[in-house]
Amino acid sequence: AVQPAAAQKGLRFALTPVYGVTIPVIVR
């Protein structure tokens, strides 16, 4: 799925978003 077409030359990169959620954990 990520192989470039035969006509395309050179090094290619694909950026993949990585999502995250943070929550605070407080110890009193």
mmCIF file of all heavy atoms, coordinates in Angstrom:
data_MODEL
# 
_entry.id   MODEL 
# 
loop_
_atom_site.group_PDB 
_atom_site.id 
_atom_site.type_symbol 
_atom_site.label_atom_id 
_atom_site.label_alt_id 
_atom_site.label_comp_id 
_atom_site.label_asym_id 
_atom_site.label_entity_id 
_atom_site.label_seq_id 
_atom_site.pdbx_PDB_ins_code 
_atom_site.Cartn_x 
_atom_site.Cartn_y 
_atom_site.Cartn_z 
_atom_site.occupancy 
_atom_site.B_iso_or_equiv 
_atom_site.pdbx_formal_charge 
_atom_site.auth_seq_id 
_atom_site.auth_comp_id 
_atom_site.auth_asym_id 
_atom_site.auth_atom_id 
_atom_site.pdbx_PDB_model_num 
ATOM 1   N N   . ALA A 1 1  ? 0.812  -1.218 0.000   1.00 0.00 ? 1  ALA A N   1 
ATOM 2   C CA  . ALA A 1 1  ? 0.000  0.000  0.000   1.00 0.00 ? 1  ALA A CA  1 
ATOM 3   C C   . ALA A 1 1  ? 0.838  1.258  0.000   1.00 0.00 ? 1  ALA A C   1 
ATOM 4   O O   . ALA A 1 1  ? 0.361  2.330  -0.329  1.00 0.00 ? 1  ALA A O   1 
ATOM 5   C CB  . ALA A 1 1  ? -0.929 0.007  1.205   1.00 0.00 ? 1  ALA A CB  1 
ATOM 6   N N   . VAL A 1 2  ? 2.120  1.154  0.396   1.00 0.00 ? 2  VAL A N   1 
ATOM 7   C CA  . VAL A 1 2  ? 2.941  2.355  0.478   1.00 0.00 ? 2  VAL A CA  1 
ATOM 8   C C   . VAL A 1 2  ? 4.016  2.409  -0.593  1.00 0.00 ? 2  VAL A C   1 
ATOM 9   O O   . VAL A 1 2  ? 4.789  3.345  -0.636  1.00 0.00 ? 2  VAL A O   1 
ATOM 10  C CB  . VAL A 1 2  ? 3.602  2.451  1.868   1.00 0.00 ? 2  VAL A CB  1 
ATOM 11  C CG1 . VAL A 1 2  ? 2.550  2.562  2.943   1.00 0.00 ? 2  VAL A CG1 1 
ATOM 12  C CG2 . VAL A 1 2  ? 4.505  1.254  2.134   1.00 0.00 ? 2  VAL A CG2 1 
ATOM 13  N N   . GLN A 1 3  ? 4.090  1.401  -1.474  1.00 0.00 ? 3  GLN A N   1 
ATOM 14  C CA  . GLN A 1 3  ? 5.088  1.416  -2.519  1.00 0.00 ? 3  GLN A CA  1 
ATOM 15  C C   . GLN A 1 3  ? 4.765  2.506  -3.534  1.00 0.00 ? 3  GLN A C   1 
ATOM 16  O O   . GLN A 1 3  ? 3.621  2.621  -3.987  1.00 0.00 ? 3  GLN A O   1 
ATOM 17  C CB  . GLN A 1 3  ? 5.147  0.062  -3.225  1.00 0.00 ? 3  GLN A CB  1 
ATOM 18  C CG  . GLN A 1 3  ? 5.787  -1.030 -2.363  1.00 0.00 ? 3  GLN A CG  1 
ATOM 19  C CD  . GLN A 1 3  ? 5.844  -2.354 -3.088  1.00 0.00 ? 3  GLN A CD  1 
ATOM 20  O OE1 . GLN A 1 3  ? 5.156  -2.541 -4.094  1.00 0.00 ? 3  GLN A OE1 1 
ATOM 21  N NE2 . GLN A 1 3  ? 6.658  -3.259 -2.593  1.00 0.00 ? 3  GLN A NE2 1 
ATOM 22  N N   . PRO A 1 4  ? 5.732  3.353  -3.887  1.00 0.00 ? 4  PRO A N   1 
ATOM 23  C CA  . PRO A 1 4  ? 5.477  4.407  -4.872  1.00 0.00 ? 4  PRO A CA  1 
ATOM 24  C C   . PRO A 1 4  ? 5.275  3.820  -6.251  1.00 0.00 ? 4  PRO A C   1 
ATOM 25  O O   . PRO A 1 4  ? 5.686  2.694  -6.545  1.00 0.00 ? 4  PRO A O   1 
ATOM 26  C CB  . PRO A 1 4  ? 6.746  5.249  -4.799  1.00 0.00 ? 4  PRO A CB  1 
ATOM 27  C CG  . PRO A 1 4  ? 7.800  4.318  -4.298  1.00 0.00 ? 4  PRO A CG  1 
ATOM 28  C CD  . PRO A 1 4  ? 7.099  3.360  -3.383  1.00 0.00 ? 4  PRO A CD  1 
ATOM 29  N N   . ALA A 1 5  ? 4.625  4.578  -7.082  1.00 0.00 ? 5  ALA A N   1 
ATOM 30  C CA  . ALA A 1 5  ? 4.419  4.146  -8.467  1.00 0.00 ? 5  ALA A CA  1 
ATOM 31  C C   . ALA A 1 5  ? 5.765  3.986  -9.156  1.00 0.00 ? 5  ALA A C   1 
ATOM 32  O O   . ALA A 1 5  ? 6.760  4.621  -8.792  1.00 0.00 ? 5  ALA A O   1 
ATOM 33  C CB  . ALA A 1 5  ? 3.552  5.171  -9.201  1.00 0.00 ? 5  ALA A CB  1 
ATOM 34  N N   . ALA A 1 6  ? 5.784  3.152  -10.185 1.00 0.00 ? 6  ALA A N   1 
ATOM 35  C CA  . ALA A 1 6  ? 7.036  2.843  -10.869 1.00 0.00 ? 6  ALA A CA  1 
ATOM 36  C C   . ALA A 1 6  ? 7.680  4.093  -11.449 1.00 0.00 ? 6  ALA A C   1 
ATOM 37  O O   . ALA A 1 6  ? 8.906  4.203  -11.514 1.00 0.00 ? 6  ALA A O   1 
ATOM 38  C CB  . ALA A 1 6  ? 6.788  1.810  -11.968 1.00 0.00 ? 6  ALA A CB  1 
ATOM 39  N N   . ALA A 1 7  ? 6.874  5.061  -11.846 1.00 0.00 ? 7  ALA A N   1 
ATOM 40  C CA  . ALA A 1 7  ? 7.417  6.257  -12.485 1.00 0.00 ? 7  ALA A CA  1 
ATOM 41  C C   . ALA A 1 7  ? 8.054  7.210  -11.481 1.00 0.00 ? 7  ALA A C   1 
ATOM 42  O O   . ALA A 1 7  ? 8.810  8.102  -11.853 1.00 0.00 ? 7  ALA A O   1 
ATOM 43  C CB  . ALA A 1 7  ? 6.324  6.982  -13.254 1.00 0.00 ? 7  ALA A CB  1 
ATOM 44  N N   . GLN A 1 8  ? 7.759  7.040  -10.223 1.00 0.00 ? 8  GLN A N   1 
ATOM 45  C CA  . GLN A 1 8  ? 8.279  7.947  -9.209  1.00 0.00 ? 8  GLN A CA  1 
ATOM 46  C C   . GLN A 1 8  ? 9.657  7.493  -8.764  1.00 0.00 ? 8  GLN A C   1 
ATOM 47  O O   . GLN A 1 8  ? 9.900  6.309  -8.568  1.00 0.00 ? 8  GLN A O   1 
ATOM 48  C CB  . GLN A 1 8  ? 7.325  8.009  -8.020  1.00 0.00 ? 8  GLN A CB  1 
ATOM 49  C CG  . GLN A 1 8  ? 5.969  8.596  -8.374  1.00 0.00 ? 8  GLN A CG  1 
ATOM 50  C CD  . GLN A 1 8  ? 5.009  8.509  -7.214  1.00 0.00 ? 8  GLN A CD  1 
ATOM 51  O OE1 . GLN A 1 8  ? 5.137  7.636  -6.358  1.00 0.00 ? 8  GLN A OE1 1 
ATOM 52  N NE2 . GLN A 1 8  ? 4.037  9.418  -7.189  1.00 0.00 ? 8  GLN A NE2 1 
ATOM 53  N N   . LYS A 1 9  ? 10.564 8.462  -8.577  1.00 0.00 ? 9  LYS A N   1 
ATOM 54  C CA  . LYS A 1 9  ? 11.924 8.144  -8.186  1.00 0.00 ? 9  LYS A CA  1 
ATOM 55  C C   . LYS A 1 9  ? 12.281 8.891  -6.913  1.00 0.00 ? 9  LYS A C   1 
ATOM 56  O O   . LYS A 1 9  ? 11.670 9.896  -6.571  1.00 0.00 ? 9  LYS A O   1 
ATOM 57  C CB  . LYS A 1 9  ? 12.900 8.512  -9.299  1.00 0.00 ? 9  LYS A CB  1 
ATOM 58  C CG  . LYS A 1 9  ? 12.691 7.717  -10.586 1.00 0.00 ? 9  LYS A CG  1 
ATOM 59  C CD  . LYS A 1 9  ? 13.716 8.104  -11.624 1.00 0.00 ? 9  LYS A CD  1 
ATOM 60  C CE  . LYS A 1 9  ? 13.530 7.304  -12.916 1.00 0.00 ? 9  LYS A CE  1 
ATOM 61  N NZ  . LYS A 1 9  ? 14.528 7.672  -13.937 1.00 0.00 ? 9  LYS A NZ  1 
ATOM 62  N N   . GLY A 1 10 ? 13.312 8.417  -6.226  1.00 0.00 ? 10 GLY A N   1 
ATOM 63  C CA  . GLY A 1 10 ? 13.786 9.089  -5.030  1.00 0.00 ? 10 GLY A CA  1 
ATOM 64  C C   . GLY A 1 10 ? 13.139 8.531  -3.774  1.00 0.00 ? 10 GLY A C   1 
ATOM 65  O O   . GLY A 1 10 ? 12.240 7.696  -3.811  1.00 0.00 ? 10 GLY A O   1 
ATOM 66  N N   . LEU A 1 11 ? 13.624 9.014  -2.637  1.00 0.00 ? 11 LEU A N   1 
ATOM 67  C CA  . LEU A 1 11 ? 13.151 8.557  -1.344  1.00 0.00 ? 11 LEU A CA  1 
ATOM 68  C C   . LEU A 1 11 ? 11.868 9.278  -0.974  1.00 0.00 ? 11 LEU A C   1 
ATOM 69  O O   . LEU A 1 11 ? 11.748 10.490 -1.096  1.00 0.00 ? 11 LEU A O   1 
ATOM 70  C CB  . LEU A 1 11 ? 14.230 8.833  -0.286  1.00 0.00 ? 11 LEU A CB  1 
ATOM 71  C CG  . LEU A 1 11 ? 14.018 8.266  1.101   1.00 0.00 ? 11 LEU A CG  1 
ATOM 72  C CD1 . LEU A 1 11 ? 13.945 6.746  1.050   1.00 0.00 ? 11 LEU A CD1 1 
ATOM 73  C CD2 . LEU A 1 11 ? 15.160 8.706  2.021   1.00 0.00 ? 11 LEU A CD2 1 
ATOM 74  N N   . ARG A 1 12 ? 10.864 8.522  -0.490  1.00 0.00 ? 12 ARG A N   1 
ATOM 75  C CA  . ARG A 1 12 ? 9.572  9.099  -0.137  1.00 0.00 ? 12 ARG A CA  1 
ATOM 76  C C   . ARG A 1 12 ? 9.223  8.736  1.303   1.00 0.00 ? 12 ARG A C   1 
ATOM 77  O O   . ARG A 1 12 ? 9.554  7.667  1.784   1.00 0.00 ? 12 ARG A O   1 
ATOM 78  C CB  . ARG A 1 12 ? 8.467  8.586  -1.076  1.00 0.00 ? 12 ARG A CB  1 
ATOM 79  C CG  . ARG A 1 12 ? 8.666  8.985  -2.524  1.00 0.00 ? 12 ARG A CG  1 
ATOM 80  C CD  . ARG A 1 12 ? 7.652  8.267  -3.416  1.00 0.00 ? 12 ARG A CD  1 
ATOM 81  N NE  . ARG A 1 12 ? 6.280  8.575  -3.017  1.00 0.00 ? 12 ARG A NE  1 
ATOM 82  C CZ  . ARG A 1 12 ? 5.616  9.672  -3.396  1.00 0.00 ? 12 ARG A CZ  1 
ATOM 83  N NH1 . ARG A 1 12 ? 6.213  10.569 -4.161  1.00 0.00 ? 12 ARG A NH1 1 
ATOM 84  N NH2 . ARG A 1 12 ? 4.365  9.869  -3.028  1.00 0.00 ? 12 ARG A NH2 1 
ATOM 85  N N   . PHE A 1 13 ? 8.545  9.673  1.982   1.00 0.00 ? 13 PHE A N   1 
ATOM 86  C CA  . PHE A 1 13 ? 8.125  9.449  3.360   1.00 0.00 ? 13 PHE A CA  1 
ATOM 87  C C   . PHE A 1 13 ? 6.634  9.703  3.479   1.00 0.00 ? 13 PHE A C   1 
ATOM 88  O O   . PHE A 1 13 ? 6.071  10.532 2.761   1.00 0.00 ? 13 PHE A O   1 
ATOM 89  C CB  . PHE A 1 13 ? 8.865  10.389 4.328   1.00 0.00 ? 13 PHE A CB  1 
ATOM 90  C CG  . PHE A 1 13 ? 10.327 10.099 4.454   1.00 0.00 ? 13 PHE A CG  1 
ATOM 91  C CD1 . PHE A 1 13 ? 11.240 10.748 3.637   1.00 0.00 ? 13 PHE A CD1 1 
ATOM 92  C CD2 . PHE A 1 13 ? 10.791 9.184  5.375   1.00 0.00 ? 13 PHE A CD2 1 
ATOM 93  C CE1 . PHE A 1 13 ? 12.597 10.483 3.750   1.00 0.00 ? 13 PHE A CE1 1 
ATOM 94  C CE2 . PHE A 1 13 ? 12.138 8.916  5.488   1.00 0.00 ? 13 PHE A CE2 1 
ATOM 95  C CZ  . PHE A 1 13 ? 13.049 9.566  4.674   1.00 0.00 ? 13 PHE A CZ  1 
ATOM 96  N N   . ALA A 1 14 ? 5.993  8.992  4.411   1.00 0.00 ? 14 ALA A N   1 
ATOM 97  C CA  . ALA A 1 14 ? 4.580  9.226  4.727   1.00 0.00 ? 14 ALA A CA  1 
ATOM 98  C C   . ALA A 1 14 ? 4.478  9.492  6.224   1.00 0.00 ? 14 ALA A C   1 
ATOM 99  O O   . ALA A 1 14 ? 4.947  8.699  7.039   1.00 0.00 ? 14 ALA A O   1 
ATOM 100 C CB  . ALA A 1 14 ? 3.726  8.016  4.343   1.00 0.00 ? 14 ALA A CB  1 
ATOM 101 N N   . LEU A 1 15 ? 3.884  10.635 6.599   1.00 0.00 ? 15 LEU A N   1 
ATOM 102 C CA  . LEU A 1 15 ? 3.720  10.988 8.004   1.00 0.00 ? 15 LEU A CA  1 
ATOM 103 C C   . LEU A 1 15 ? 2.406  10.419 8.520   1.00 0.00 ? 15 LEU A C   1 
ATOM 104 O O   . LEU A 1 15 ? 1.354  10.649 7.931   1.00 0.00 ? 15 LEU A O   1 
ATOM 105 C CB  . LEU A 1 15 ? 3.737  12.510 8.177   1.00 0.00 ? 15 LEU A CB  1 
ATOM 106 C CG  . LEU A 1 15 ? 5.039  13.200 7.767   1.00 0.00 ? 15 LEU A CG  1 
ATOM 107 C CD1 . LEU A 1 15 ? 4.927  14.698 8.021   1.00 0.00 ? 15 LEU A CD1 1 
ATOM 108 C CD2 . LEU A 1 15 ? 6.224  12.630 8.525   1.00 0.00 ? 15 LEU A CD2 1 
ATOM 109 N N   . THR A 1 16 ? 2.467  9.693  9.624   1.00 0.00 ? 16 THR A N   1 
ATOM 110 C CA  . THR A 1 16 ? 1.285  9.082  10.224  1.00 0.00 ? 16 THR A CA  1 
ATOM 111 C C   . THR A 1 16 ? 0.937  9.802  11.520  1.00 0.00 ? 16 THR A C   1 
ATOM 112 O O   . THR A 1 16 ? 1.750  9.817  12.449  1.00 0.00 ? 16 THR A O   1 
ATOM 113 C CB  . THR A 1 16 ? 1.532  7.592  10.529  1.00 0.00 ? 16 THR A CB  1 
ATOM 114 O OG1 . THR A 1 16 ? 1.903  6.916  9.321   1.00 0.00 ? 16 THR A OG1 1 
ATOM 115 C CG2 . THR A 1 16 ? 0.273  6.951  11.123  1.00 0.00 ? 16 THR A CG2 1 
ATOM 116 N N   . PRO A 1 17 ? -0.247 10.438 11.624  1.00 0.00 ? 17 PRO A N   1 
ATOM 117 C CA  . PRO A 1 17 ? -0.603 11.100 12.883  1.00 0.00 ? 17 PRO A CA  1 
ATOM 118 C C   . PRO A 1 17 ? -0.727 10.086 14.017  1.00 0.00 ? 17 PRO A C   1 
ATOM 119 O O   . PRO A 1 17 ? -1.270 9.006  13.837  1.00 0.00 ? 17 PRO A O   1 
ATOM 120 C CB  . PRO A 1 17 ? -1.968 11.745 12.564  1.00 0.00 ? 17 PRO A CB  1 
ATOM 121 C CG  . PRO A 1 17 ? -2.029 11.807 11.072  1.00 0.00 ? 17 PRO A CG  1 
ATOM 122 C CD  . PRO A 1 17 ? -1.262 10.615 10.584  1.00 0.00 ? 17 PRO A CD  1 
ATOM 123 N N   . VAL A 1 18 ? -0.198 10.444 15.184  1.00 0.00 ? 18 VAL A N   1 
ATOM 124 C CA  . VAL A 1 18 ? -0.328 9.624  16.378  1.00 0.00 ? 18 VAL A CA  1 
ATOM 125 C C   . VAL A 1 18 ? -1.011 10.479 17.430  1.00 0.00 ? 18 VAL A C   1 
ATOM 126 O O   . VAL A 1 18 ? -0.498 11.518 17.829  1.00 0.00 ? 18 VAL A O   1 
ATOM 127 C CB  . VAL A 1 18 ? 1.044  9.141  16.890  1.00 0.00 ? 18 VAL A CB  1 
ATOM 128 C CG1 . VAL A 1 18 ? 0.878  8.360  18.184  1.00 0.00 ? 18 VAL A CG1 1 
ATOM 129 C CG2 . VAL A 1 18 ? 1.729  8.289  15.835  1.00 0.00 ? 18 VAL A CG2 1 
ATOM 130 N N   . TYR A 1 19 ? -2.201 10.050 17.878  1.00 0.00 ? 19 TYR A N   1 
ATOM 131 C CA  . TYR A 1 19 ? -2.998 10.858 18.779  1.00 0.00 ? 19 TYR A CA  1 
ATOM 132 C C   . TYR A 1 19 ? -2.883 10.354 20.210  1.00 0.00 ? 19 TYR A C   1 
ATOM 133 O O   . TYR A 1 19 ? -2.739 9.161  20.458  1.00 0.00 ? 19 TYR A O   1 
ATOM 134 C CB  . TYR A 1 19 ? -4.467 10.842 18.346  1.00 0.00 ? 19 TYR A CB  1 
ATOM 135 C CG  . TYR A 1 19 ? -4.681 11.399 16.958  1.00 0.00 ? 19 TYR A CG  1 
ATOM 136 C CD1 . TYR A 1 19 ? -4.916 10.554 15.876  1.00 0.00 ? 19 TYR A CD1 1 
ATOM 137 C CD2 . TYR A 1 19 ? -4.634 12.758 16.746  1.00 0.00 ? 19 TYR A CD2 1 
ATOM 138 C CE1 . TYR A 1 19 ? -5.101 11.062 14.616  1.00 0.00 ? 19 TYR A CE1 1 
ATOM 139 C CE2 . TYR A 1 19 ? -4.821 13.285 15.481  1.00 0.00 ? 19 TYR A CE2 1 
ATOM 140 C CZ  . TYR A 1 19 ? -5.056 12.432 14.414  1.00 0.00 ? 19 TYR A CZ  1 
ATOM 141 O OH  . TYR A 1 19 ? -5.230 12.948 13.158  1.00 0.00 ? 19 TYR A OH  1 
ATOM 142 N N   . GLY A 1 20 ? -2.958 11.278 21.149  1.00 0.00 ? 20 GLY A N   1 
ATOM 143 C CA  . GLY A 1 20 ? -2.886 10.894 22.543  1.00 0.00 ? 20 GLY A CA  1 
ATOM 144 C C   . GLY A 1 20 ? -3.774 11.763 23.409  1.00 0.00 ? 20 GLY A C   1 
ATOM 145 O O   . GLY A 1 20 ? -4.116 12.884 23.055  1.00 0.00 ? 20 GLY A O   1 
ATOM 146 N N   . VAL A 1 21 ? -4.156 11.222 24.550  1.00 0.00 ? 21 VAL A N   1 
ATOM 147 C CA  . VAL A 1 21 ? -4.945 11.933 25.551  1.00 0.00 ? 21 VAL A CA  1 
ATOM 148 C C   . VAL A 1 21 ? -4.188 11.842 26.872  1.00 0.00 ? 21 VAL A C   1 
ATOM 149 O O   . VAL A 1 21 ? -3.726 10.771 27.251  1.00 0.00 ? 21 VAL A O   1 
ATOM 150 C CB  . VAL A 1 21 ? -6.343 11.308 25.711  1.00 0.00 ? 21 VAL A CB  1 
ATOM 151 C CG1 . VAL A 1 21 ? -7.088 11.961 26.864  1.00 0.00 ? 21 VAL A CG1 1 
ATOM 152 C CG2 . VAL A 1 21 ? -7.140 11.427 24.423  1.00 0.00 ? 21 VAL A CG2 1 
ATOM 153 N N   . THR A 1 22 ? -4.050 12.950 27.590  1.00 0.00 ? 22 THR A N   1 
ATOM 154 C CA  . THR A 1 22 ? -3.435 12.914 28.910  1.00 0.00 ? 22 THR A CA  1 
ATOM 155 C C   . THR A 1 22 ? -4.435 13.383 29.959  1.00 0.00 ? 22 THR A C   1 
ATOM 156 O O   . THR A 1 22 ? -5.255 14.260 29.702  1.00 0.00 ? 22 THR A O   1 
ATOM 157 C CB  . THR A 1 22 ? -2.193 13.817 28.999  1.00 0.00 ? 22 THR A CB  1 
ATOM 158 O OG1 . THR A 1 22 ? -2.559 15.172 28.738  1.00 0.00 ? 22 THR A OG1 1 
ATOM 159 C CG2 . THR A 1 22 ? -1.117 13.361 28.041  1.00 0.00 ? 22 THR A CG2 1 
ATOM 160 N N   . ILE A 1 23 ? -4.349 12.790 31.148  1.00 0.00 ? 23 ILE A N   1 
ATOM 161 C CA  . ILE A 1 23 ? -5.140 13.249 32.286  1.00 0.00 ? 23 ILE A CA  1 
ATOM 162 C C   . ILE A 1 23 ? -4.218 13.325 33.496  1.00 0.00 ? 23 ILE A C   1 
ATOM 163 O O   . ILE A 1 23 ? -3.304 12.502 33.637  1.00 0.00 ? 23 ILE A O   1 
ATOM 164 C CB  . ILE A 1 23 ? -6.343 12.331 32.575  1.00 0.00 ? 23 ILE A CB  1 
ATOM 165 C CG1 . ILE A 1 23 ? -5.878 10.957 33.044  1.00 0.00 ? 23 ILE A CG1 1 
ATOM 166 C CG2 . ILE A 1 23 ? -7.257 12.208 31.360  1.00 0.00 ? 23 ILE A CG2 1 
ATOM 167 C CD1 . ILE A 1 23 ? -6.997 10.086 33.591  1.00 0.00 ? 23 ILE A CD1 1 
ATOM 168 N N   . PRO A 1 24 ? -4.415 14.305 34.384  1.00 0.00 ? 24 PRO A N   1 
ATOM 169 C CA  . PRO A 1 24 ? -3.577 14.381 35.583  1.00 0.00 ? 24 PRO A CA  1 
ATOM 170 C C   . PRO A 1 24 ? -3.997 13.347 36.614  1.00 0.00 ? 24 PRO A C   1 
ATOM 171 O O   . PRO A 1 24 ? -5.178 13.077 36.801  1.00 0.00 ? 24 PRO A O   1 
ATOM 172 C CB  . PRO A 1 24 ? -3.826 15.809 36.084  1.00 0.00 ? 24 PRO A CB  1 
ATOM 173 C CG  . PRO A 1 24 ? -5.194 16.147 35.582  1.00 0.00 ? 24 PRO A CG  1 
ATOM 174 C CD  . PRO A 1 24 ? -5.354 15.433 34.268  1.00 0.00 ? 24 PRO A CD  1 
ATOM 175 N N   . VAL A 1 25 ? -3.002 12.779 37.285  1.00 0.00 ? 25 VAL A N   1 
ATOM 176 C CA  . VAL A 1 25 ? -3.221 11.891 38.431  1.00 0.00 ? 25 VAL A CA  1 
ATOM 177 C C   . VAL A 1 25 ? -2.496 12.517 39.614  1.00 0.00 ? 25 VAL A C   1 
ATOM 178 O O   . VAL A 1 25 ? -1.264 12.615 39.622  1.00 0.00 ? 25 VAL A O   1 
ATOM 179 C CB  . VAL A 1 25 ? -2.692 10.473 38.159  1.00 0.00 ? 25 VAL A CB  1 
ATOM 180 C CG1 . VAL A 1 25 ? -2.928 9.571  39.365  1.00 0.00 ? 25 VAL A CG1 1 
ATOM 181 C CG2 . VAL A 1 25 ? -3.354 9.879  36.920  1.00 0.00 ? 25 VAL A CG2 1 
ATOM 182 N N   . ILE A 1 26 ? -3.269 12.957 40.590  1.00 0.00 ? 26 ILE A N   1 
ATOM 183 C CA  . ILE A 1 26 ? -2.740 13.699 41.729  1.00 0.00 ? 26 ILE A CA  1 
ATOM 184 C C   . ILE A 1 26 ? -2.839 12.840 42.982  1.00 0.00 ? 26 ILE A C   1 
ATOM 185 O O   . ILE A 1 26 ? -3.898 12.277 43.283  1.00 0.00 ? 26 ILE A O   1 
ATOM 186 C CB  . ILE A 1 26 ? -3.521 15.013 41.921  1.00 0.00 ? 26 ILE A CB  1 
ATOM 187 C CG1 . ILE A 1 26 ? -3.337 15.911 40.684  1.00 0.00 ? 26 ILE A CG1 1 
ATOM 188 C CG2 . ILE A 1 26 ? -3.102 15.736 43.187  1.00 0.00 ? 26 ILE A CG2 1 
ATOM 189 C CD1 . ILE A 1 26 ? -4.261 17.108 40.653  1.00 0.00 ? 26 ILE A CD1 1 
ATOM 190 N N   . VAL A 1 27 ? -1.732 12.726 43.709  1.00 0.00 ? 27 VAL A N   1 
ATOM 191 C CA  . VAL A 1 27 ? -1.701 11.989 44.973  1.00 0.00 ? 27 VAL A CA  1 
ATOM 192 C C   . VAL A 1 27 ? -1.511 13.005 46.098  1.00 0.00 ? 27 VAL A C   1 
ATOM 193 O O   . VAL A 1 27 ? -0.522 13.759 46.099  1.00 0.00 ? 27 VAL A O   1 
ATOM 194 C CB  . VAL A 1 27 ? -0.562 10.953 45.004  1.00 0.00 ? 27 VAL A CB  1 
ATOM 195 C CG1 . VAL A 1 27 ? -0.588 10.174 46.317  1.00 0.00 ? 27 VAL A CG1 1 
ATOM 196 C CG2 . VAL A 1 27 ? -0.674 10.010 43.810  1.00 0.00 ? 27 VAL A CG2 1 
ATOM 197 N N   . ARG A 1 28 ? -2.452 13.035 47.040  1.00 0.00 ? 28 ARG A N   1 
ATOM 198 C CA  . ARG A 1 28 ? -2.375 13.957 48.166  1.00 0.00 ? 28 ARG A CA  1 
ATOM 199 C C   . ARG A 1 28 ? -2.209 13.166 49.455  1.00 0.00 ? 28 ARG A C   1 
ATOM 200 O O   . ARG A 1 28 ? -3.056 12.341 49.804  1.00 0.00 ? 28 ARG A O   1 
ATOM 201 C CB  . ARG A 1 28 ? -3.627 14.834 48.235  1.00 0.00 ? 28 ARG A CB  1 
ATOM 202 C CG  . ARG A 1 28 ? -3.669 15.872 47.125  1.00 0.00 ? 28 ARG A CG  1 
ATOM 203 C CD  . ARG A 1 28 ? -4.922 16.711 47.168  1.00 0.00 ? 28 ARG A CD  1 
ATOM 204 N NE  . ARG A 1 28 ? -4.900 17.730 46.116  1.00 0.00 ? 28 ARG A NE  1 
ATOM 205 C CZ  . ARG A 1 28 ? -5.972 18.347 45.650  1.00 0.00 ? 28 ARG A CZ  1 
ATOM 206 N NH1 . ARG A 1 28 ? -7.174 18.050 46.144  1.00 0.00 ? 28 ARG A NH1 1 
ATOM 207 N NH2 . ARG A 1 28 ? -5.860 19.251 44.700  1.00 0.00 ? 28 ARG A NH2 1 
# 
